[in-house]
PDB file of all heavy atoms in Angstrom:
ATOM      1  N   THR A   1      79.372   8.552  40.105  1.00  0.00           N
ATOM      2  CA  THR A   1      79.740   8.081  38.775  1.00  0.00           C
ATOM      3  C   THR A   1      78.648   8.469  37.775  1.00  0.00           C
ATOM      4  O   THR A   1      77.543   7.954  37.808  1.00  0.00           O
ATOM      5  CB  THR A   1      79.893   6.535  38.773  1.00  0.00           C
ATOM      6  OG1 THR A   1      80.859   6.151  39.768  1.00  0.00           O
ATOM      7  CG2 THR A   1      80.352   6.051  37.403  1.00  0.00           C
ATOM      8  N   MET A   2      79.016   9.400  36.924  1.00  0.00           N
ATOM      9  CA  MET A   2      78.077   9.864  35.879  1.00  0.00           C
ATOM     10  C   MET A   2      78.387   9.208  34.566  1.00  0.00           C
ATOM     11  O   MET A   2      79.429   9.464  33.950  1.00  0.00           O
ATOM     12  CB  MET A   2      78.162  11.407  35.750  1.00  0.00           C
ATOM     13  CG  MET A   2      77.261  11.988  34.660  1.00  0.00           C
ATOM     14  SD  MET A   2      75.496  11.743  34.956  1.00  0.00           S
ATOM     15  CE  MET A   2      75.210  13.032  36.197  1.00  0.00           C
ATOM     16  N   THR A   3      77.553   8.290  34.146  1.00  0.00           N
ATOM     17  CA  THR A   3      77.709   7.641  32.874  1.00  0.00           C
ATOM     18  C   THR A   3      76.985   8.431  31.768  1.00  0.00           C
ATOM     19  O   THR A   3      76.236   9.371  32.042  1.00  0.00           O
ATOM     20  CB  THR A   3      77.126   6.226  32.904  1.00  0.00           C
ATOM     21  OG1 THR A   3      75.696   6.333  33.130  1.00  0.00           O
ATOM     22  CG2 THR A   3      77.780   5.401  34.017  1.00  0.00           C
ATOM     23  N   VAL A   4      77.193   8.009  30.532  1.00  0.00           N
ATOM     24  CA  VAL A   4      76.521   8.680  29.429  1.00  0.00           C
ATOM     25  C   VAL A   4      74.975   8.521  29.545  1.00  0.00           C
ATOM     26  O   VAL A   4      74.236   9.459  29.346  1.00  0.00           O
ATOM     27  CB  VAL A   4      77.012   8.154  28.086  1.00  0.00           C
ATOM     28  CG1 VAL A   4      76.174   8.716  26.920  1.00  0.00           C
ATOM     29  CG2 VAL A   4      78.502   8.515  27.856  1.00  0.00           C
ATOM     30  N   ALA A   5      74.555   7.304  29.872  1.00  0.00           N
ATOM     31  CA  ALA A   5      73.103   7.053  30.019  1.00  0.00           C
ATOM     32  C   ALA A   5      72.543   7.905  31.131  1.00  0.00           C
ATOM     33  O   ALA A   5      71.433   8.456  30.990  1.00  0.00           O
ATOM     34  CB  ALA A   5      72.867   5.565  30.309  1.00  0.00           C
ATOM     35  N   HIS A   6      73.238   7.997  32.246  1.00  0.00           N
ATOM     36  CA  HIS A   6      72.766   8.800  33.371  1.00  0.00           C
ATOM     37  C   HIS A   6      72.717  10.270  32.973  1.00  0.00           C
ATOM     38  O   HIS A   6      71.766  11.003  33.332  1.00  0.00           O
ATOM     39  CB  HIS A   6      73.680   8.606  34.584  1.00  0.00           C
ATOM     40  CG  HIS A   6      73.109   9.091  35.856  1.00  0.00           C
ATOM     41  ND1 HIS A   6      73.291   8.470  37.077  1.00  0.00           N
ATOM     42  CD2 HIS A   6      72.268  10.139  36.175  1.00  0.00           C
ATOM     43  CE1 HIS A   6      72.681   9.098  38.031  1.00  0.00           C
ATOM     44  NE2 HIS A   6      72.025  10.137  37.512  1.00  0.00           N
ATOM     45  N   LEU A   7      73.724  10.734  32.227  1.00  0.00           N
ATOM     46  CA  LEU A   7      73.748  12.103  31.755  1.00  0.00           C
ATOM     47  C   LEU A   7      72.567  12.410  30.846  1.00  0.00           C
ATOM     48  O   LEU A   7      71.913  13.455  30.956  1.00  0.00           O
ATOM     49  CB  LEU A   7      75.071  12.424  31.038  1.00  0.00           C
ATOM     50  CG  LEU A   7      75.213  13.868  30.552  1.00  0.00           C
ATOM     51  CD1 LEU A   7      75.239  14.850  31.735  1.00  0.00           C
ATOM     52  CD2 LEU A   7      76.515  13.998  29.716  1.00  0.00           C
ATOM     53  N   VAL A   8      72.264  11.494  29.913  1.00  0.00           N
ATOM     54  CA  VAL A   8      71.097  11.645  29.030  1.00  0.00           C
ATOM     55  C   VAL A   8      69.828  11.770  29.882  1.00  0.00           C
ATOM     56  O   VAL A   8      68.990  12.633  29.633  1.00  0.00           O
ATOM     57  CB  VAL A   8      71.008  10.483  28.036  1.00  0.00           C
ATOM     58  CG1 VAL A   8      69.644  10.488  27.345  1.00  0.00           C
ATOM     59  CG2 VAL A   8      72.131  10.555  27.024  1.00  0.00           C
ATOM     60  N   PHE A   9      69.703  10.896  30.878  1.00  0.00           N
ATOM     61  CA  PHE A   9      68.551  10.938  31.774  1.00  0.00           C
ATOM     62  C   PHE A   9      68.473  12.265  32.488  1.00  0.00           C
ATOM     63  O   PHE A   9      67.410  12.910  32.511  1.00  0.00           O
ATOM     64  CB  PHE A   9      68.634   9.795  32.760  1.00  0.00           C
ATOM     65  CG  PHE A   9      67.452   9.720  33.720  1.00  0.00           C
ATOM     66  CD1 PHE A   9      66.335   8.953  33.398  1.00  0.00           C
ATOM     67  CD2 PHE A   9      67.436  10.404  34.909  1.00  0.00           C
ATOM     68  CE1 PHE A   9      65.259   8.872  34.269  1.00  0.00           C
ATOM     69  CE2 PHE A   9      66.388  10.354  35.801  1.00  0.00           C
ATOM     70  CZ  PHE A   9      65.277   9.592  35.447  1.00  0.00           C
ATOM     71  N   ALA A  10      69.581  12.707  33.084  1.00  0.00           N
ATOM     72  CA  ALA A  10      69.607  13.938  33.895  1.00  0.00           C
ATOM     73  C   ALA A  10      69.322  15.190  33.015  1.00  0.00           C
ATOM     74  O   ALA A  10      68.541  16.041  33.414  1.00  0.00           O
ATOM     75  CB  ALA A  10      70.943  14.086  34.603  1.00  0.00           C
ATOM     76  N   LEU A  11      69.951  15.258  31.848  1.00  0.00           N
ATOM     77  CA  LEU A  11      69.729  16.393  30.961  1.00  0.00           C
ATOM     78  C   LEU A  11      68.281  16.453  30.457  1.00  0.00           C
ATOM     79  O   LEU A  11      67.657  17.524  30.452  1.00  0.00           O
ATOM     80  CB  LEU A  11      70.686  16.326  29.774  1.00  0.00           C
ATOM     81  CG  LEU A  11      72.158  16.670  30.041  1.00  0.00           C
ATOM     82  CD1 LEU A  11      73.018  16.371  28.805  1.00  0.00           C
ATOM     83  CD2 LEU A  11      72.314  18.139  30.439  1.00  0.00           C
ATOM     84  N   THR A  12      67.766  15.323  30.053  1.00  0.00           N
ATOM     85  CA  THR A  12      66.407  15.284  29.497  1.00  0.00           C
ATOM     86  C   THR A  12      65.387  15.630  30.568  1.00  0.00           C
ATOM     87  O   THR A  12      64.442  16.393  30.340  1.00  0.00           O
ATOM     88  CB  THR A  12      66.099  13.907  28.868  1.00  0.00           C
ATOM     89  OG1 THR A  12      67.122  13.606  27.908  1.00  0.00           O
ATOM     90  CG2 THR A  12      64.772  13.946  28.187  1.00  0.00           C
ATOM     91  N   THR A  13      65.520  15.052  31.760  1.00  0.00           N
ATOM     92  CA  THR A  13      64.578  15.321  32.836  1.00  0.00           C
ATOM     93  C   THR A  13      64.695  16.760  33.316  1.00  0.00           C
ATOM     94  O   THR A  13      63.672  17.363  33.702  1.00  0.00           O
ATOM     95  CB  THR A  13      64.752  14.340  34.001  1.00  0.00           C
ATOM     96  OG1 THR A  13      66.130  14.324  34.408  1.00  0.00           O
ATOM     97  CG2 THR A  13      64.305  12.949  33.623  1.00  0.00           C
ATOM     98  N   THR A  14      65.888  17.313  33.326  1.00  0.00           N
ATOM     99  CA  THR A  14      66.050  18.704  33.704  1.00  0.00           C
ATOM    100  C   THR A  14      65.302  19.629  32.730  1.00  0.00           C
ATOM    101  O   THR A  14      64.595  20.567  33.107  1.00  0.00           O
ATOM    102  CB  THR A  14      67.551  19.093  33.771  1.00  0.00           C
ATOM    103  OG1 THR A  14      68.204  18.303  34.782  1.00  0.00           O
ATOM    104  CG2 THR A  14      67.712  20.579  34.106  1.00  0.00           C
ATOM    105  N   ALA A  15      65.479  19.355  31.422  1.00  0.00           N
ATOM    106  CA  ALA A  15      64.782  20.153  30.401  1.00  0.00           C
ATOM    107  C   ALA A  15      63.286  20.001  30.579  1.00  0.00           C
ATOM    108  O   ALA A  15      62.513  21.004  30.515  1.00  0.00           O
ATOM    109  CB  ALA A  15      65.204  19.711  29.010  1.00  0.00           C
ATOM    110  N   TYR A  16      62.829  18.794  30.839  1.00  0.00           N
ATOM    111  CA  TYR A  16      61.398  18.568  31.049  1.00  0.00           C
ATOM    112  C   TYR A  16      60.880  19.341  32.258  1.00  0.00           C
ATOM    113  O   TYR A  16      59.803  19.969  32.213  1.00  0.00           O
ATOM    114  CB  TYR A  16      61.091  17.083  31.212  1.00  0.00           C
ATOM    115  CG  TYR A  16      59.728  16.839  31.794  1.00  0.00           C
ATOM    116  CD1 TYR A  16      58.587  17.130  31.032  1.00  0.00           C
ATOM    117  CD2 TYR A  16      59.555  16.428  33.110  1.00  0.00           C
ATOM    118  CE1 TYR A  16      57.320  16.938  31.573  1.00  0.00           C
ATOM    119  CE2 TYR A  16      58.290  16.247  33.648  1.00  0.00           C
ATOM    120  CZ  TYR A  16      57.190  16.526  32.872  1.00  0.00           C
ATOM    121  OH  TYR A  16      55.922  16.368  33.416  1.00  0.00           O
ATOM    122  N   ILE A  17      61.610  19.325  33.379  1.00  0.00           N
ATOM    123  CA  ILE A  17      61.213  20.020  34.579  1.00  0.00           C
ATOM    124  C   ILE A  17      61.075  21.500  34.308  1.00  0.00           C
ATOM    125  O   ILE A  17      60.089  22.149  34.739  1.00  0.00           O
ATOM    126  CB  ILE A  17      62.180  19.721  35.719  1.00  0.00           C
ATOM    127  CG1 ILE A  17      61.933  18.312  36.286  1.00  0.00           C
ATOM    128  CG2 ILE A  17      62.058  20.756  36.851  1.00  0.00           C
ATOM    129  CD1 ILE A  17      62.960  17.830  37.278  1.00  0.00           C
ATOM    130  N   LEU A  18      62.022  22.080  33.602  1.00  0.00           N
ATOM    131  CA  LEU A  18      61.964  23.520  33.336  1.00  0.00           C
ATOM    132  C   LEU A  18      60.758  23.860  32.449  1.00  0.00           C
ATOM    133  O   LEU A  18      60.111  24.901  32.645  1.00  0.00           O
ATOM    134  CB  LEU A  18      63.249  23.977  32.676  1.00  0.00           C
ATOM    135  CG  LEU A  18      64.509  23.849  33.543  1.00  0.00           C
ATOM    136  CD1 LEU A  18      65.759  24.258  32.754  1.00  0.00           C
ATOM    137  CD2 LEU A  18      64.394  24.742  34.799  1.00  0.00           C
ATOM    138  N   ILE A  19      60.436  23.009  31.512  1.00  0.00           N
ATOM    139  CA  ILE A  19      59.245  23.234  30.682  1.00  0.00           C
ATOM    140  C   ILE A  19      57.971  23.006  31.485  1.00  0.00           C
ATOM    141  O   ILE A  19      57.030  23.795  31.422  1.00  0.00           O
ATOM    142  CB  ILE A  19      59.263  22.268  29.450  1.00  0.00           C
ATOM    143  CG1 ILE A  19      60.400  22.624  28.523  1.00  0.00           C
ATOM    144  CG2 ILE A  19      57.919  22.308  28.694  1.00  0.00           C
ATOM    145  CD1 ILE A  19      60.658  21.597  27.439  1.00  0.00           C
ATOM    146  N   ALA A  20      57.956  21.961  32.332  1.00  0.00           N
ATOM    147  CA  ALA A  20      56.778  21.652  33.146  1.00  0.00           C
ATOM    148  C   ALA A  20      56.447  22.780  34.102  1.00  0.00           C
ATOM    149  O   ALA A  20      55.293  23.089  34.357  1.00  0.00           O
ATOM    150  CB  ALA A  20      56.988  20.337  33.915  1.00  0.00           C
ATOM    151  N   ILE A  21      57.494  23.410  34.634  1.00  0.00           N
ATOM    152  CA  ILE A  21      57.266  24.543  35.551  1.00  0.00           C
ATOM    153  C   ILE A  21      56.563  25.649  34.832  1.00  0.00           C
ATOM    154  O   ILE A  21      55.637  26.300  35.366  1.00  0.00           O
ATOM    155  CB  ILE A  21      58.600  25.032  36.150  1.00  0.00           C
ATOM    156  CG1 ILE A  21      59.124  24.012  37.176  1.00  0.00           C
ATOM    157  CG2 ILE A  21      58.460  26.400  36.783  1.00  0.00           C
ATOM    158  CD1 ILE A  21      60.502  24.326  37.709  1.00  0.00           C
ATOM    159  N   GLN A  22      56.974  25.959  33.598  1.00  0.00           N
ATOM    160  CA  GLN A  22      56.346  27.033  32.866  1.00  0.00           C
ATOM    161  C   GLN A  22      54.880  26.713  32.596  1.00  0.00           C
ATOM    162  O   GLN A  22      53.971  27.576  32.702  1.00  0.00           O
ATOM    163  CB  GLN A  22      57.077  27.284  31.546  1.00  0.00           C
ATOM    164  CG  GLN A  22      58.537  27.637  31.715  1.00  0.00           C
ATOM    165  CD  GLN A  22      58.760  28.786  32.692  1.00  0.00           C
ATOM    166  OE1 GLN A  22      58.122  29.838  32.586  1.00  0.00           O
ATOM    167  NE2 GLN A  22      59.663  28.589  33.617  1.00  0.00           N
ATOM    168  N   LEU A  23      54.589  25.466  32.222  1.00  0.00           N
ATOM    169  CA  LEU A  23      53.200  25.076  31.975  1.00  0.00           C
ATOM    170  C   LEU A  23      52.384  25.143  33.248  1.00  0.00           C
ATOM    171  O   LEU A  23      51.245  25.670  33.284  1.00  0.00           O
ATOM    172  CB  LEU A  23      53.148  23.620  31.432  1.00  0.00           C
ATOM    173  CG  LEU A  23      53.748  23.427  30.045  1.00  0.00           C
ATOM    174  CD1 LEU A  23      53.810  21.943  29.707  1.00  0.00           C
ATOM    175  CD2 LEU A  23      52.961  24.190  28.989  1.00  0.00           C
ATOM    176  N   GLU A  24      52.921  24.641  34.364  1.00  0.00           N
ATOM    177  CA  GLU A  24      52.202  24.644  35.623  1.00  0.00           C
ATOM    178  C   GLU A  24      51.929  26.064  36.096  1.00  0.00           C
ATOM    179  O   GLU A  24      50.809  26.410  36.529  1.00  0.00           O
ATOM    180  CB  GLU A  24      52.999  23.864  36.685  1.00  0.00           C
ATOM    181  CG  GLU A  24      52.341  23.879  38.077  1.00  0.00           C
ATOM    182  CD  GLU A  24      53.151  23.097  39.087  1.00  0.00           C
ATOM    183  OE1 GLU A  24      53.898  22.203  38.681  1.00  0.00           O
ATOM    184  OE2 GLU A  24      53.007  23.423  40.284  1.00  0.00           O
ATOM    185  N   GLU A  25      52.945  26.917  36.025  1.00  0.00           N
ATOM    186  CA  GLU A  25      52.791  28.279  36.527  1.00  0.00           C
ATOM    187  C   GLU A  25      51.836  29.097  35.622  1.00  0.00           C
ATOM    188  O   GLU A  25      51.127  29.957  36.087  1.00  0.00           O
ATOM    189  CB  GLU A  25      54.137  28.957  36.672  1.00  0.00           C
ATOM    190  CG  GLU A  25      54.975  28.312  37.772  1.00  0.00           C
ATOM    191  CD  GLU A  25      56.053  29.244  38.309  1.00  0.00           C
ATOM    192  OE1 GLU A  25      56.546  30.080  37.535  1.00  0.00           O
ATOM    193  OE2 GLU A  25      56.375  29.093  39.504  1.00  0.00           O
ATOM    194  N   GLY A  26      51.851  28.766  34.318  1.00  0.00           N
ATOM    195  CA  GLY A  26      50.860  29.402  33.438  1.00  0.00           C
ATOM    196  C   GLY A  26      49.427  29.081  33.870  1.00  0.00           C
ATOM    197  O   GLY A  26      48.566  29.952  33.918  1.00  0.00           O
ATOM    198  N   ASP A  27      49.194  27.820  34.235  1.00  0.00           N
ATOM    199  CA  ASP A  27      47.872  27.407  34.721  1.00  0.00           C
ATOM    200  C   ASP A  27      47.528  28.133  36.031  1.00  0.00           C
ATOM    201  O   ASP A  27      46.404  28.555  36.224  1.00  0.00           O
ATOM    202  CB  ASP A  27      47.833  25.882  34.952  1.00  0.00           C
ATOM    203  CG  ASP A  27      47.906  25.081  33.666  1.00  0.00           C
ATOM    204  OD1 ASP A  27      47.564  25.647  32.613  1.00  0.00           O
ATOM    205  OD2 ASP A  27      48.318  23.925  33.727  1.00  0.00           O
ATOM    206  N   LEU A  28      48.518  28.231  36.916  1.00  0.00           N
ATOM    207  CA  LEU A  28      48.269  28.883  38.198  1.00  0.00           C
ATOM    208  C   LEU A  28      48.002  30.366  38.066  1.00  0.00           C
ATOM    209  O   LEU A  28      47.123  30.899  38.764  1.00  0.00           O
ATOM    210  CB  LEU A  28      49.461  28.618  39.115  1.00  0.00           C
ATOM    211  CG  LEU A  28      49.602  27.187  39.636  1.00  0.00           C
ATOM    212  CD1 LEU A  28      50.985  26.967  40.235  1.00  0.00           C
ATOM    213  CD2 LEU A  28      48.510  26.851  40.662  1.00  0.00           C
ATOM    214  N   VAL A  29      48.719  31.012  37.187  1.00  0.00           N
ATOM    215  CA  VAL A  29      48.473  32.432  36.967  1.00  0.00           C
ATOM    216  C   VAL A  29      47.087  32.664  36.386  1.00  0.00           C
ATOM    217  O   VAL A  29      46.367  33.598  36.787  1.00  0.00           O
ATOM    218  CB  VAL A  29      49.577  33.049  36.083  1.00  0.00           C
ATOM    219  CG1 VAL A  29      49.161  34.465  35.616  1.00  0.00           C
ATOM    220  CG2 VAL A  29      50.882  33.094  36.824  1.00  0.00           C
ATOM    221  N   ARG A  30      46.704  31.829  35.428  1.00  0.00           N
ATOM    222  CA  ARG A  30      45.367  31.962  34.846  1.00  0.00           C
ATOM    223  C   ARG A  30      44.282  31.686  35.885  1.00  0.00           C
ATOM    224  O   ARG A  30      43.216  32.303  35.852  1.00  0.00           O
ATOM    225  CB  ARG A  30      45.209  31.014  33.651  1.00  0.00           C
ATOM    226  CG  ARG A  30      45.899  31.508  32.388  1.00  0.00           C
ATOM    227  CD  ARG A  30      45.554  30.633  31.202  1.00  0.00           C
ATOM    228  NE  ARG A  30      46.217  29.336  31.266  1.00  0.00           N
ATOM    229  CZ  ARG A  30      47.457  29.092  30.828  1.00  0.00           C
ATOM    230  NH1 ARG A  30      48.172  30.057  30.325  1.00  0.00           N
ATOM    231  NH2 ARG A  30      47.953  27.852  30.923  1.00  0.00           N
ATOM    232  N   ALA A  31      44.536  30.744  36.792  1.00  0.00           N
ATOM    233  CA  ALA A  31      43.519  30.390  37.803  1.00  0.00           C
ATOM    234  C   ALA A  31      43.501  31.402  38.930  1.00  0.00           C
ATOM    235  O   ALA A  31      42.417  31.700  39.476  1.00  0.00           O
ATOM    236  CB  ALA A  31      43.831  28.981  38.337  1.00  0.00           C
ATOM    237  N   LEU A  32      44.649  31.934  39.332  1.00  0.00           N
ATOM    238  CA  LEU A  32      44.717  32.721  40.561  1.00  0.00           C
ATOM    239  C   LEU A  32      45.090  34.200  40.362  1.00  0.00           C
ATOM    240  O   LEU A  32      45.021  34.983  41.305  1.00  0.00           O
ATOM    241  CB  LEU A  32      45.729  32.093  41.528  1.00  0.00           C
ATOM    242  CG  LEU A  32      45.450  30.649  41.897  1.00  0.00           C
ATOM    243  CD1 LEU A  32      46.649  30.043  42.638  1.00  0.00           C
ATOM    244  CD2 LEU A  32      44.187  30.493  42.722  1.00  0.00           C
ATOM    245  N   GLY A  33      45.502  34.533  39.148  1.00  0.00           N
ATOM    246  CA  GLY A  33      45.815  35.923  38.834  1.00  0.00           C
ATOM    247  C   GLY A  33      46.929  36.504  39.689  1.00  0.00           C
ATOM    248  O   GLY A  33      47.986  35.911  39.870  1.00  0.00           O
ATOM    249  N   THR A  34      46.673  37.669  40.249  1.00  0.00           N
ATOM    250  CA  THR A  34      47.708  38.390  41.013  1.00  0.00           C
ATOM    251  C   THR A  34      48.131  37.650  42.275  1.00  0.00           C
ATOM    252  O   THR A  34      49.206  37.892  42.791  1.00  0.00           O
ATOM    253  CB  THR A  34      47.211  39.796  41.390  1.00  0.00           C
ATOM    254  OG1 THR A  34      45.984  39.673  42.136  1.00  0.00           O
ATOM    255  CG2 THR A  34      46.971  40.642  40.167  1.00  0.00           C
ATOM    256  N   THR A  35      47.271  36.736  42.766  1.00  0.00           N
ATOM    257  CA  THR A  35      47.629  35.990  43.987  1.00  0.00           C
ATOM    258  C   THR A  35      48.892  35.192  43.747  1.00  0.00           C
ATOM    259  O   THR A  35      49.855  35.251  44.500  1.00  0.00           O
ATOM    260  CB  THR A  35      46.485  35.062  44.364  1.00  0.00           C
ATOM    261  OG1 THR A  35      45.332  35.830  44.684  1.00  0.00           O
ATOM    262  CG2 THR A  35      46.864  34.225  45.596  1.00  0.00           C
ATOM    263  N   TYR A  36      48.886  34.427  42.635  1.00  0.00           N
ATOM    264  CA  TYR A  36      50.092  33.618  42.351  1.00  0.00           C
ATOM    265  C   TYR A  36      51.226  34.501  41.808  1.00  0.00           C
ATOM    266  O   TYR A  36      52.407  34.233  42.069  1.00  0.00           O
ATOM    267  CB  TYR A  36      49.773  32.505  41.375  1.00  0.00           C
ATOM    268  CG  TYR A  36      50.923  31.529  41.275  1.00  0.00           C
ATOM    269  CD1 TYR A  36      51.062  30.523  42.223  1.00  0.00           C
ATOM    270  CD2 TYR A  36      51.888  31.630  40.277  1.00  0.00           C
ATOM    271  CE1 TYR A  36      52.126  29.647  42.208  1.00  0.00           C
ATOM    272  CE2 TYR A  36      52.938  30.729  40.248  1.00  0.00           C
ATOM    273  CZ  TYR A  36      53.066  29.768  41.184  1.00  0.00           C
ATOM    274  OH  TYR A  36      54.111  28.883  41.165  1.00  0.00           O
TER     275      TYR A  36
END
């Protein structure tokens, strides 16, 4: 059962996760270079 509130939660957290991955991987590339 997907309610409007649940959809808002799922969409917002999905967007956050995609942004967080870019931030995290940017840190890892700067720290580890070609390894990561």
